[in-house]
C-alpha atoms as a PDB file:
ATOM      1  CA  MET A   1     122.088 174.628 140.354  1.00  0.00           C
ATOM      2  CA  THR A   2     120.775 171.849 141.956  1.00  0.00           C
ATOM      3  CA  ALA A   3     120.847 168.625 140.832  1.00  0.00           C
ATOM      4  CA  TRP A   4     117.542 168.370 139.477  1.00  0.00           C
ATOM      5  CA  ARG A   5     117.093 171.790 137.551  1.00  0.00           C
ATOM      6  CA  SER A   6     120.361 170.256 135.603  1.00  0.00           C
ATOM      7  CA  LEU A   7     118.396 167.359 134.599  1.00  0.00           C
ATOM      8  CA  MET A   8     115.309 168.989 133.544  1.00  0.00           C
ATOM      9  CA  VAL A   9     117.770 171.307 131.320  1.00  0.00           C
ATOM     10  CA  VAL A  10     119.628 168.626 130.462  1.00  0.00           C
ATOM     11  CA  SER A  11     115.932 166.977 129.566  1.00  0.00           C
ATOM     12  CA  LEU A  12     114.745 169.994 127.535  1.00  0.00           C
ATOM     13  CA  LEU A  13     117.949 170.948 125.735  1.00  0.00           C
ATOM     14  CA  LEU A  14     117.572 166.732 123.849  1.00  0.00           C
ATOM     15  CA  LEU A  15     113.661 167.056 123.511  1.00  0.00           C
ATOM     16  CA  ALA A  16     114.753 170.465 121.307  1.00  0.00           C
ATOM     17  CA  GLY A  17     116.915 168.206 118.787  1.00  0.00           C
ATOM     18  CA  CYS A  18     114.166 165.069 119.058  1.00  0.00           C
ATOM     19  CA  THR A  19     111.990 164.770 115.736  1.00  0.00           C
ATOM     20  CA  PHE A  20     108.846 163.476 117.106  1.00  0.00           C
ATOM     21  CA  VAL A  21     106.664 163.160 113.776  1.00  0.00           C
ATOM     22  CA  LYS A  22     106.904 159.687 111.653  1.00  0.00           C
ATOM     23  CA  PRO A  23     106.107 159.165 108.257  1.00  0.00           C
ATOM     24  CA  THR A  24     102.648 157.267 107.166  1.00  0.00           C
ATOM     25  CA  GLU A  25     103.233 154.005 105.063  1.00  0.00           C
ATOM     26  CA  LYS A  26     102.109 156.044 101.878  1.00  0.00           C
ATOM     27  CA  ALA A  27     104.366 158.930 102.642  1.00  0.00           C
ATOM     28  CA  VAL A  28     107.110 156.564 102.967  1.00  0.00           C
ATOM     29  CA  SER A  29     107.842 156.310  98.701  1.00  0.00           C
ATOM     30  CA  VAL A  30     106.984 160.639  99.245  1.00  0.00           C
ATOM     31  CA  ARG A  31     109.830 162.537  98.206  1.00  0.00           C
ATOM     32  CA  ILE A  32     111.074 166.396  97.969  1.00  0.00           C
ATOM     33  CA  GLY A  33     111.384 167.806  95.291  1.00  0.00           C
ATOM     34  CA  THR A  34     112.862 170.865  93.393  1.00  0.00           C
ATOM     35  CA  ALA A  35     111.126 172.828  90.712  1.00  0.00           C
ATOM     36  CA  GLU A  36     113.642 171.486  88.493  1.00  0.00           C
ATOM     37  CA  ASP A  37     112.203 167.441  89.175  1.00  0.00           C
ATOM     38  CA  VAL A  38     108.509 168.734  89.018  1.00  0.00           C
ATOM     39  CA  VAL A  39     108.698 170.132  84.899  1.00  0.00           C
ATOM     40  CA  ASN A  40     107.160 167.337  83.620  1.00  0.00           C
ATOM     41  CA  CYS A  41     104.897 166.614  86.742  1.00  0.00           C
ATOM     42  CA  GLN A  42     101.102 166.851  87.315  1.00  0.00           C
ATOM     43  CA  ARG A  43     100.588 169.308  90.021  1.00  0.00           C
ATOM     44  CA  GLN A  44      98.146 168.141  92.497  1.00  0.00           C
ATOM     45  CA  GLY A  45      98.056 171.186  94.578  1.00  0.00           C
ATOM     46  CA  GLN A  46      99.120 172.579  98.042  1.00  0.00           C
ATOM     47  CA  THR A  47      99.529 172.072 101.874  1.00  0.00           C
ATOM     48  CA  THR A  48     100.713 173.776 104.967  1.00  0.00           C
ATOM     49  CA  VAL A  49     102.347 171.572 107.802  1.00  0.00           C
ATOM     50  CA  SER A  50     103.207 173.128 111.076  1.00  0.00           C
ATOM     51  CA  THR A  51     105.317 171.607 114.068  1.00  0.00           C
ATOM     52  CA  LEU A  52     106.717 173.196 117.239  1.00  0.00           C
ATOM     53  CA  ALA A  53     109.400 175.650 117.448  1.00  0.00           C
ATOM     54  CA  ARG A  54     110.006 175.829 121.477  1.00  0.00           C
ATOM     55  CA  VAL A  55     109.634 173.242 123.421  1.00  0.00           C
ATOM     56  CA  ALA A  56     109.211 174.989 127.019  1.00  0.00           C
ATOM     57  CA  GLY A  57     110.352 177.724 126.100  1.00  0.00           C
ATOM     58  CA  LEU A  58     113.073 176.818 124.537  1.00  0.00           C
ATOM     59  CA  PRO A  59     114.271 177.252 120.455  1.00  0.00           C
ATOM     60  CA  ARG A  60     114.206 173.577 118.135  1.00  0.00           C
ATOM     61  CA  TYR A  61     117.184 172.581 116.337  1.00  0.00           C
ATOM     62  CA  GLU A  62     116.202 173.711 113.043  1.00  0.00           C
ATOM     63  CA  SER A  63     117.358 170.429 111.061  1.00  0.00           C
ATOM     64  CA  SER A  64     114.485 168.764 113.182  1.00  0.00           C
ATOM     65  CA  ILE A  65     111.773 171.470 112.661  1.00  0.00           C
ATOM     66  CA  ARG A  66     112.583 171.376 108.979  1.00  0.00           C
ATOM     67  CA  ASP A  67     112.443 167.265 109.291  1.00  0.00           C
ATOM     68  CA  GLU A  68     109.339 167.364 110.801  1.00  0.00           C
ATOM     69  CA  LEU A  69     107.624 169.353 108.197  1.00  0.00           C
ATOM     70  CA  ASN A  70     109.530 167.256 105.210  1.00  0.00           C
ATOM     71  CA  THR A  71     107.772 164.200 106.652  1.00  0.00           C
ATOM     72  CA  LEU A  72     104.000 165.916 107.426  1.00  0.00           C
ATOM     73  CA  ALA A  73     104.143 166.904 103.696  1.00  0.00           C
ATOM     74  CA  ARG A  74     105.274 163.755 102.579  1.00  0.00           C
ATOM     75  CA  ASN A  75     101.968 162.853 104.515  1.00  0.00           C
ATOM     76  CA  SER A  76      99.981 165.014 103.088  1.00  0.00           C
ATOM     77  CA  ALA A  77     101.079 164.109  99.437  1.00  0.00           C
ATOM     78  CA  ALA A  78     100.536 160.733 100.098  1.00  0.00           C
ATOM     79  CA  ASN A  79      96.761 161.481 100.896  1.00  0.00           C
ATOM     80  CA  MET A  80      96.505 163.814  98.583  1.00  0.00           C
ATOM     81  CA  GLY A  81      97.817 161.074  95.628  1.00  0.00           C
ATOM     82  CA  GLY A  82     101.200 163.235  94.724  1.00  0.00           C
ATOM     83  CA  ASP A  83     104.683 160.929  95.114  1.00  0.00           C
ATOM     84  CA  THR A  84     106.885 164.303  95.248  1.00  0.00           C
ATOM     85  CA  VAL A  85     106.608 167.667  97.638  1.00  0.00           C
ATOM     86  CA  VAL A  86     108.500 171.144  96.594  1.00  0.00           C
ATOM     87  CA  PRO A  87     108.981 173.988  99.332  1.00  0.00           C
ATOM     88  CA  ALA A  88     107.174 176.811  98.237  1.00  0.00           C
ATOM     89  CA  THR A  89     107.614 179.068 101.332  1.00  0.00           C
ATOM     90  CA  PRO A  90     110.259 179.392 103.235  1.00  0.00           C
ATOM     91  CA  VAL A  91     110.011 178.122 106.814  1.00  0.00           C
ATOM     92  CA  LYS A  92     109.223 180.491 109.592  1.00  0.00           C
ATOM     93  CA  ASP A  93     107.568 179.883 113.285  1.00  0.00           C
ATOM     94  CA  GLY A  94     107.425 176.538 112.824  1.00  0.00           C
ATOM     95  CA  SER A  95     105.279 176.491 109.837  1.00  0.00           C
ATOM     96  CA  GLN A  96     105.886 175.544 105.861  1.00  0.00           C
ATOM     97  CA  THR A  97     104.128 175.719 102.914  1.00  0.00           C
ATOM     98  CA  PHE A  98     104.974 172.798  99.980  1.00  0.00           C
ATOM     99  CA  THR A  99     103.210 172.318  96.876  1.00  0.00           C
ATOM    100  CA  ILE A 100     102.426 168.728  95.881  1.00  0.00           C
ATOM    101  CA  TYR A 101     103.376 166.383  92.390  1.00  0.00           C
ATOM    102  CA  ARG A 102     102.611 163.605  90.949  1.00  0.00           C
ATOM    103  CA  CYS A 103     105.626 162.590  89.274  1.00  0.00           C
ATOM    104  CA  ARG A 104     104.897 158.331  88.365  1.00  0.00           C
ATOM    105  CA  PRO A 105     102.225 157.426  86.640  1.00  0.00           C
END
């Protein structure tokens, strides 16, 4: 393998582990909760978010995908007036549905 190809492979592997989504200012205070955390909360709705599961044909790390989905869900919740999100479905092909709640007055 040439040096150029080796560099490209290493670069792609590093990109597979990167997280590119950042929380908005409002989303910083939105938390990821569980069903037990939201028993006394008001349901605001649901959001389905997605991110790339593969980069240049290579699978990304599950932890990076999960982190991005959580951040995207928190951003959506902040836009809907929510302060807590709970995963409603498992991650599948870089996509996941979350239920949004408002727990704090």
